[in-house]
Amino acid sequence: MEMIPVKTSAHSQAVEITGQVQKVVSGSGKKEGWCEVFVPHTTAGVAVNEAADPAVMQDVLDALDGLVPWRGNYRHSEGNAAAHVKSVLVGSTVRLPVKGGRLALGTWQGVFFLEFDGPRARQVWVDVQGV
């Protein structure tokens, strides 16, 4: 397993990490199998979505803000309950196929680290299994 550092610069942010994940896949020597991407944080997530137009991920972040506003009737005393809820909704793991030593993503797809309580220094863990 390898760790990818991610430094966010905003409170809510989508950071494309496709290239870094592919670098781990390439370095693994695996040609066929699976790549798991895990975010070990309770106020962040990981997702696969369109990488061609940055407006898409901004729309996703804006929609999540609409669904789970920062200010609300939350019980969590640290003031970042909305970030925890968004993390649960998005999830902390994606599993991606590896074919021919490459991530087998769709034409427009990319892998994104999603920050919900930044800015922060974060980590993404990547594990490649296969042959």
N, C-alpha and C. Protein backbone atom coordinates (compact mmCIF):
# COMPACT_ATOMS: atom_id res chain seq x y z
N MET A 1 0.84 -1.17 0.00
CA MET A 1 0.00 0.00 0.00
C MET A 1 0.89 1.23 0.00
N GLU A 2 0.46 2.25 -0.77
CA GLU A 2 1.20 3.50 -0.83
C GLU A 2 0.31 4.65 -0.41
N MET A 3 0.95 5.70 0.11
CA MET A 3 0.24 6.89 0.56
C MET A 3 0.50 8.04 -0.40
N ILE A 4 -0.57 8.72 -0.77
CA ILE A 4 -0.48 9.92 -1.59
C ILE A 4 -0.83 11.11 -0.69
N PRO A 5 0.08 12.08 -0.55
CA PRO A 5 -0.27 13.27 0.23
C PRO A 5 -1.15 14.21 -0.60
N VAL A 6 -2.12 14.82 0.05
CA VAL A 6 -2.99 15.79 -0.60
C VAL A 6 -3.09 17.01 0.32
N LYS A 7 -2.78 18.17 -0.21
CA LYS A 7 -2.90 19.40 0.55
C LYS A 7 -4.04 20.20 -0.06
N THR A 8 -5.05 20.48 0.76
CA THR A 8 -6.19 21.25 0.25
C THR A 8 -6.02 22.71 0.65
N SER A 9 -6.64 23.59 -0.13
CA SER A 9 -6.50 25.02 0.09
C SER A 9 -7.82 25.72 0.37
N ALA A 10 -8.90 24.96 0.43
CA ALA A 10 -10.22 25.54 0.65
C ALA A 10 -11.01 24.70 1.64
N HIS A 11 -12.06 25.31 2.16
CA HIS A 11 -12.92 24.61 3.11
C HIS A 11 -13.57 23.39 2.47
N SER A 12 -14.05 23.56 1.25
CA SER A 12 -14.68 22.48 0.49
C SER A 12 -14.00 22.47 -0.88
N GLN A 13 -13.48 21.31 -1.27
CA GLN A 13 -12.67 21.28 -2.49
C GLN A 13 -12.63 19.87 -3.07
N ALA A 14 -12.62 19.80 -4.39
CA ALA A 14 -12.40 18.54 -5.10
C ALA A 14 -11.02 18.60 -5.74
N VAL A 15 -10.16 17.65 -5.41
CA VAL A 15 -8.81 17.60 -5.93
C VAL A 15 -8.67 16.35 -6.78
N GLU A 16 -8.41 16.52 -8.06
CA GLU A 16 -8.24 15.34 -8.91
C GLU A 16 -6.91 14.66 -8.60
N ILE A 17 -6.98 13.36 -8.33
CA ILE A 17 -5.79 12.58 -7.98
C ILE A 17 -5.57 11.41 -8.93
N THR A 18 -6.22 11.44 -10.08
CA THR A 18 -6.12 10.33 -11.03
C THR A 18 -4.67 10.02 -11.40
N GLY A 19 -3.90 11.04 -11.70
CA GLY A 19 -2.51 10.84 -12.10
C GLY A 19 -1.67 10.20 -11.02
N GLN A 20 -1.86 10.64 -9.77
CA GLN A 20 -1.11 10.06 -8.66
C GLN A 20 -1.50 8.60 -8.42
N VAL A 21 -2.79 8.30 -8.55
CA VAL A 21 -3.25 6.92 -8.38
C VAL A 21 -2.68 6.05 -9.50
N GLN A 22 -2.70 6.56 -10.74
CA GLN A 22 -2.14 5.81 -11.86
C GLN A 22 -0.65 5.55 -11.65
N LYS A 23 0.05 6.51 -11.09
CA LYS A 23 1.48 6.33 -10.82
C LYS A 23 1.71 5.16 -9.86
N VAL A 24 0.85 5.02 -8.85
CA VAL A 24 0.96 3.90 -7.92
C VAL A 24 0.66 2.59 -8.66
N VAL A 25 -0.38 2.59 -9.50
CA VAL A 25 -0.72 1.39 -10.27
C VAL A 25 0.47 1.00 -11.16
N SER A 26 1.03 1.96 -11.87
CA SER A 26 2.17 1.67 -12.76
C SER A 26 3.35 1.12 -11.98
N GLY A 27 3.62 1.70 -10.82
CA GLY A 27 4.75 1.27 -10.00
C GLY A 27 4.55 -0.08 -9.36
N SER A 28 3.32 -0.55 -9.31
CA SER A 28 3.04 -1.84 -8.68
C SER A 28 3.46 -3.02 -9.55
N GLY A 29 3.55 -2.78 -10.85
CA GLY A 29 3.87 -3.86 -11.77
C GLY A 29 2.69 -4.76 -12.09
N LYS A 30 1.54 -4.50 -11.50
CA LYS A 30 0.34 -5.32 -11.76
C LYS A 30 -0.28 -4.91 -13.09
N LYS A 31 -0.63 -5.89 -13.88
CA LYS A 31 -1.23 -5.63 -15.19
C LYS A 31 -2.74 -5.79 -15.18
N GLU A 32 -3.24 -6.71 -14.36
CA GLU A 32 -4.68 -6.97 -14.27
C GLU A 32 -5.05 -7.10 -12.80
N GLY A 33 -6.15 -6.50 -12.42
CA GLY A 33 -6.58 -6.61 -11.03
C GLY A 33 -7.44 -5.44 -10.61
N TRP A 34 -7.23 -5.04 -9.36
CA TRP A 34 -8.05 -3.99 -8.75
C TRP A 34 -7.18 -3.01 -7.98
N CYS A 35 -7.61 -1.79 -7.98
CA CYS A 35 -6.95 -0.73 -7.23
C CYS A 35 -7.98 -0.16 -6.25
N GLU A 36 -7.64 -0.20 -4.98
CA GLU A 36 -8.50 0.41 -3.97
C GLU A 36 -7.90 1.72 -3.52
N VAL A 37 -8.73 2.74 -3.46
CA VAL A 37 -8.33 4.06 -3.01
C VAL A 37 -9.14 4.36 -1.76
N PHE A 38 -8.44 4.63 -0.66
CA PHE A 38 -9.07 4.81 0.65
C PHE A 38 -8.64 6.13 1.25
N VAL A 39 -9.59 6.85 1.81
CA VAL A 39 -9.32 8.12 2.49
C VAL A 39 -9.49 7.88 3.99
N PRO A 40 -8.41 7.96 4.79
CA PRO A 40 -8.49 7.67 6.22
C PRO A 40 -8.86 8.90 7.06
N HIS A 41 -9.89 9.61 6.61
CA HIS A 41 -10.32 10.82 7.31
C HIS A 41 -11.84 10.81 7.43
N THR A 42 -12.36 11.33 8.53
CA THR A 42 -13.81 11.32 8.76
C THR A 42 -14.50 12.58 8.24
N THR A 43 -13.75 13.51 7.67
CA THR A 43 -14.34 14.72 7.11
C THR A 43 -13.90 14.94 5.66
N ALA A 44 -13.63 13.85 4.97
CA ALA A 44 -13.24 13.89 3.57
C ALA A 44 -13.74 12.62 2.90
N GLY A 45 -13.66 12.57 1.58
CA GLY A 45 -14.11 11.38 0.87
C GLY A 45 -13.37 11.22 -0.44
N VAL A 46 -13.77 10.20 -1.18
CA VAL A 46 -13.19 9.93 -2.50
C VAL A 46 -14.31 9.52 -3.44
N ALA A 47 -14.21 9.98 -4.68
CA ALA A 47 -15.26 9.68 -5.66
C ALA A 47 -14.67 9.61 -7.05
N VAL A 48 -15.41 8.95 -7.94
CA VAL A 48 -15.09 8.91 -9.36
C VAL A 48 -16.19 9.68 -10.07
N ASN A 49 -15.77 10.64 -10.89
CA ASN A 49 -16.75 11.41 -11.65
C ASN A 49 -16.05 12.08 -12.82
N GLU A 50 -16.76 12.97 -13.50
CA GLU A 50 -16.21 13.61 -14.69
C GLU A 50 -15.02 14.50 -14.36
N ALA A 51 -13.94 14.28 -15.09
CA ALA A 51 -12.73 15.07 -14.89
C ALA A 51 -12.49 16.06 -16.02
N ALA A 52 -13.26 16.01 -17.09
CA ALA A 52 -13.04 16.88 -18.24
C ALA A 52 -13.47 18.32 -17.97
N ASP A 53 -14.51 18.50 -17.20
CA ASP A 53 -15.05 19.83 -16.93
C ASP A 53 -15.04 20.08 -15.42
N PRO A 54 -14.20 20.97 -14.93
CA PRO A 54 -14.12 21.21 -13.48
C PRO A 54 -15.43 21.71 -12.88
N ALA A 55 -16.33 22.23 -13.71
CA ALA A 55 -17.61 22.71 -13.21
C ALA A 55 -18.43 21.56 -12.62
N VAL A 56 -18.23 20.36 -13.12
CA VAL A 56 -19.00 19.21 -12.62
C VAL A 56 -18.73 18.99 -11.13
N MET A 57 -17.48 18.92 -10.75
CA MET A 57 -17.16 18.67 -9.35
C MET A 57 -17.54 19.86 -8.47
N GLN A 58 -17.49 21.08 -9.00
CA GLN A 58 -17.97 22.23 -8.22
C GLN A 58 -19.48 22.11 -8.02
N ASP A 59 -20.20 21.64 -9.04
CA ASP A 59 -21.64 21.41 -8.89
C ASP A 59 -21.91 20.35 -7.83
N VAL A 60 -21.09 19.29 -7.81
CA VAL A 60 -21.25 18.25 -6.79
C VAL A 60 -21.06 18.85 -5.39
N LEU A 61 -19.99 19.62 -5.21
CA LEU A 61 -19.74 20.25 -3.91
C LEU A 61 -20.87 21.20 -3.52
N ASP A 62 -21.36 21.98 -4.48
CA ASP A 62 -22.47 22.90 -4.21
C ASP A 62 -23.74 22.14 -3.84
N ALA A 63 -24.00 21.03 -4.52
CA ALA A 63 -25.19 20.23 -4.21
C ALA A 63 -25.08 19.63 -2.81
N LEU A 64 -23.89 19.15 -2.46
CA LEU A 64 -23.70 18.61 -1.10
C LEU A 64 -23.88 19.70 -0.05
N ASP A 65 -23.42 20.93 -0.35
CA ASP A 65 -23.64 22.04 0.58
C ASP A 65 -25.13 22.33 0.74
N GLY A 66 -25.89 22.19 -0.35
CA GLY A 66 -27.34 22.39 -0.27
C GLY A 66 -28.03 21.30 0.54
N LEU A 67 -27.58 20.07 0.37
CA LEU A 67 -28.16 18.95 1.11
C LEU A 67 -27.78 18.97 2.59
N VAL A 68 -26.53 19.34 2.85
CA VAL A 68 -25.97 19.30 4.20
C VAL A 68 -25.30 20.65 4.48
N PRO A 69 -26.09 21.65 4.89
CA PRO A 69 -25.52 22.97 5.13
C PRO A 69 -24.53 22.97 6.30
N TRP A 70 -23.55 23.85 6.23
CA TRP A 70 -22.53 23.92 7.28
C TRP A 70 -23.15 24.23 8.63
N ARG A 71 -24.08 25.15 8.66
CA ARG A 71 -24.78 25.48 9.90
C ARG A 71 -26.08 24.69 9.95
N GLY A 72 -26.29 24.02 11.04
CA GLY A 72 -27.51 23.22 11.19
C GLY A 72 -27.70 22.84 12.64
N ASN A 73 -28.72 22.11 12.88
CA ASN A 73 -29.05 21.67 14.24
C ASN A 73 -28.31 20.36 14.53
N TYR A 74 -26.97 20.45 14.59
CA TYR A 74 -26.13 19.28 14.80
C TYR A 74 -25.75 19.15 16.27
N ARG A 75 -25.53 17.94 16.71
CA ARG A 75 -25.13 17.68 18.09
C ARG A 75 -23.61 17.67 18.28
N HIS A 76 -22.87 17.38 17.22
CA HIS A 76 -21.42 17.29 17.31
C HIS A 76 -20.84 18.64 17.72
N SER A 77 -20.07 18.66 18.78
CA SER A 77 -19.65 19.92 19.40
C SER A 77 -18.47 20.61 18.73
N GLU A 78 -17.77 19.95 17.81
CA GLU A 78 -16.60 20.56 17.19
C GLU A 78 -16.96 21.55 16.09
N GLY A 79 -18.20 21.58 15.67
CA GLY A 79 -18.62 22.53 14.65
C GLY A 79 -18.42 22.08 13.22
N ASN A 80 -18.03 20.84 13.01
CA ASN A 80 -17.81 20.34 11.65
C ASN A 80 -18.68 19.12 11.33
N ALA A 81 -19.84 19.04 11.96
CA ALA A 81 -20.74 17.90 11.76
C ALA A 81 -21.13 17.74 10.29
N ALA A 82 -21.33 18.84 9.59
CA ALA A 82 -21.71 18.75 8.17
C ALA A 82 -20.64 18.01 7.37
N ALA A 83 -19.38 18.23 7.69
CA ALA A 83 -18.29 17.55 6.99
C ALA A 83 -18.34 16.04 7.23
N HIS A 84 -18.68 15.65 8.45
CA HIS A 84 -18.81 14.22 8.77
C HIS A 84 -19.97 13.60 7.97
N VAL A 85 -21.09 14.30 7.89
CA VAL A 85 -22.25 13.79 7.16
C VAL A 85 -21.91 13.65 5.67
N LYS A 86 -21.25 14.64 5.10
CA LYS A 86 -20.87 14.58 3.68
C LYS A 86 -19.92 13.41 3.43
N SER A 87 -19.02 13.17 4.36
CA SER A 87 -18.09 12.05 4.22
C SER A 87 -18.84 10.72 4.16
N VAL A 88 -19.86 10.58 4.99
CA VAL A 88 -20.66 9.36 4.98
C VAL A 88 -21.41 9.23 3.65
N LEU A 89 -21.95 10.33 3.16
CA LEU A 89 -22.71 10.29 1.90
C LEU A 89 -21.82 9.94 0.71
N VAL A 90 -20.63 10.49 0.66
CA VAL A 90 -19.72 10.27 -0.46
C VAL A 90 -19.00 8.93 -0.34
N GLY A 91 -18.53 8.62 0.87
CA GLY A 91 -17.80 7.38 1.10
C GLY A 91 -16.31 7.61 1.14
N SER A 92 -15.62 6.64 1.72
CA SER A 92 -14.18 6.77 1.92
C SER A 92 -13.36 5.84 1.04
N THR A 93 -14.00 5.02 0.21
CA THR A 93 -13.27 4.04 -0.61
C THR A 93 -13.90 3.93 -1.99
N VAL A 94 -13.03 3.81 -3.01
CA VAL A 94 -13.48 3.40 -4.34
C VAL A 94 -12.59 2.25 -4.79
N ARG A 95 -13.17 1.34 -5.54
CA ARG A 95 -12.45 0.19 -6.08
C ARG A 95 -12.48 0.30 -7.59
N LEU A 96 -11.31 0.31 -8.20
CA LEU A 96 -11.20 0.56 -9.63
C LEU A 96 -10.52 -0.61 -10.34
N PRO A 97 -11.02 -0.99 -11.51
CA PRO A 97 -10.36 -2.07 -12.24
C PRO A 97 -9.04 -1.61 -12.86
N VAL A 98 -8.10 -2.56 -12.94
CA VAL A 98 -6.82 -2.33 -13.60
C VAL A 98 -6.75 -3.28 -14.79
N LYS A 99 -6.52 -2.73 -15.96
CA LYS A 99 -6.41 -3.52 -17.19
C LYS A 99 -5.18 -3.06 -17.95
N GLY A 100 -4.31 -3.97 -18.29
CA GLY A 100 -3.10 -3.61 -19.03
C GLY A 100 -2.19 -2.65 -18.28
N GLY A 101 -2.22 -2.73 -16.96
CA GLY A 101 -1.37 -1.87 -16.15
C GLY A 101 -1.88 -0.44 -15.99
N ARG A 102 -3.12 -0.20 -16.40
CA ARG A 102 -3.72 1.14 -16.34
C ARG A 102 -5.05 1.09 -15.61
N LEU A 103 -5.41 2.19 -14.98
CA LEU A 103 -6.76 2.29 -14.43
C LEU A 103 -7.75 2.18 -15.57
N ALA A 104 -8.76 1.35 -15.43
CA ALA A 104 -9.75 1.17 -16.49
C ALA A 104 -10.94 2.08 -16.19
N LEU A 105 -10.73 3.37 -16.43
CA LEU A 105 -11.78 4.37 -16.21
C LEU A 105 -12.47 4.69 -17.52
N GLY A 106 -13.69 5.20 -17.42
CA GLY A 106 -14.41 5.65 -18.60
C GLY A 106 -13.75 6.89 -19.18
N THR A 107 -14.14 7.24 -20.39
CA THR A 107 -13.52 8.34 -21.13
C THR A 107 -13.40 9.62 -20.33
N TRP A 108 -14.42 9.99 -19.60
CA TRP A 108 -14.44 11.28 -18.90
C TRP A 108 -14.14 11.15 -17.42
N GLN A 109 -13.96 9.94 -16.93
CA GLN A 109 -13.84 9.73 -15.49
C GLN A 109 -12.47 10.08 -14.93
N GLY A 110 -12.50 10.58 -13.69
CA GLY A 110 -11.29 10.82 -12.93
C GLY A 110 -11.56 10.47 -11.48
N VAL A 111 -10.50 10.36 -10.70
CA VAL A 111 -10.59 10.06 -9.27
C VAL A 111 -10.37 11.37 -8.51
N PHE A 112 -11.26 11.64 -7.56
CA PHE A 112 -11.21 12.90 -6.83
C PHE A 112 -11.16 12.68 -5.32
N PHE A 113 -10.25 13.39 -4.67
CA PHE A 113 -10.26 13.53 -3.22
C PHE A 113 -11.21 14.68 -2.93
N LEU A 114 -12.15 14.47 -2.02
CA LEU A 114 -13.12 15.50 -1.67
C LEU A 114 -12.90 15.98 -0.25
N GLU A 115 -12.55 17.24 -0.13
CA GLU A 115 -12.32 17.89 1.16
C GLU A 115 -13.61 18.55 1.62
N PHE A 116 -13.98 18.30 2.89
CA PHE A 116 -15.18 18.91 3.44
C PHE A 116 -14.90 19.76 4.69
N ASP A 117 -13.65 19.80 5.13
CA ASP A 117 -13.31 20.53 6.36
C ASP A 117 -11.88 21.07 6.29
N GLY A 118 -11.60 21.74 5.20
CA GLY A 118 -10.24 22.22 4.99
C GLY A 118 -10.08 23.68 5.32
N PRO A 119 -8.93 24.20 4.94
CA PRO A 119 -7.81 23.51 4.29
C PRO A 119 -7.02 22.64 5.27
N ARG A 120 -6.48 21.56 4.75
CA ARG A 120 -5.73 20.60 5.57
C ARG A 120 -4.69 19.86 4.74
N ALA A 121 -3.77 19.23 5.45
CA ALA A 121 -2.86 18.26 4.85
C ALA A 121 -3.48 16.89 5.07
N ARG A 122 -3.71 16.16 4.00
CA ARG A 122 -4.43 14.88 4.07
C ARG A 122 -3.60 13.77 3.46
N GLN A 123 -4.16 12.56 3.54
CA GLN A 123 -3.55 11.39 2.93
C GLN A 123 -4.61 10.60 2.18
N VAL A 124 -4.17 9.93 1.14
CA VAL A 124 -4.98 8.95 0.42
C VAL A 124 -4.13 7.69 0.34
N TRP A 125 -4.72 6.56 0.70
CA TRP A 125 -4.01 5.28 0.65
C TRP A 125 -4.45 4.53 -0.59
N VAL A 126 -3.50 3.97 -1.31
CA VAL A 126 -3.78 3.25 -2.56
C VAL A 126 -3.16 1.85 -2.46
N ASP A 127 -3.98 0.84 -2.76
CA ASP A 127 -3.52 -0.54 -2.74
C ASP A 127 -3.90 -1.20 -4.07
N VAL A 128 -2.94 -1.85 -4.70
CA VAL A 128 -3.17 -2.51 -5.98
C VAL A 128 -3.00 -4.02 -5.78
N GLN A 129 -4.01 -4.76 -6.18
CA GLN A 129 -4.00 -6.22 -6.08
C GLN A 129 -4.20 -6.81 -7.47
N GLY A 130 -3.50 -7.89 -7.76
CA GLY A 130 -3.70 -8.53 -9.05
C GLY A 130 -2.43 -9.24 -9.50
N VAL A 131 -2.36 -9.43 -10.80
CA VAL A 131 -1.22 -10.13 -11.39
C VAL A 131 -0.55 -9.28 -12.45
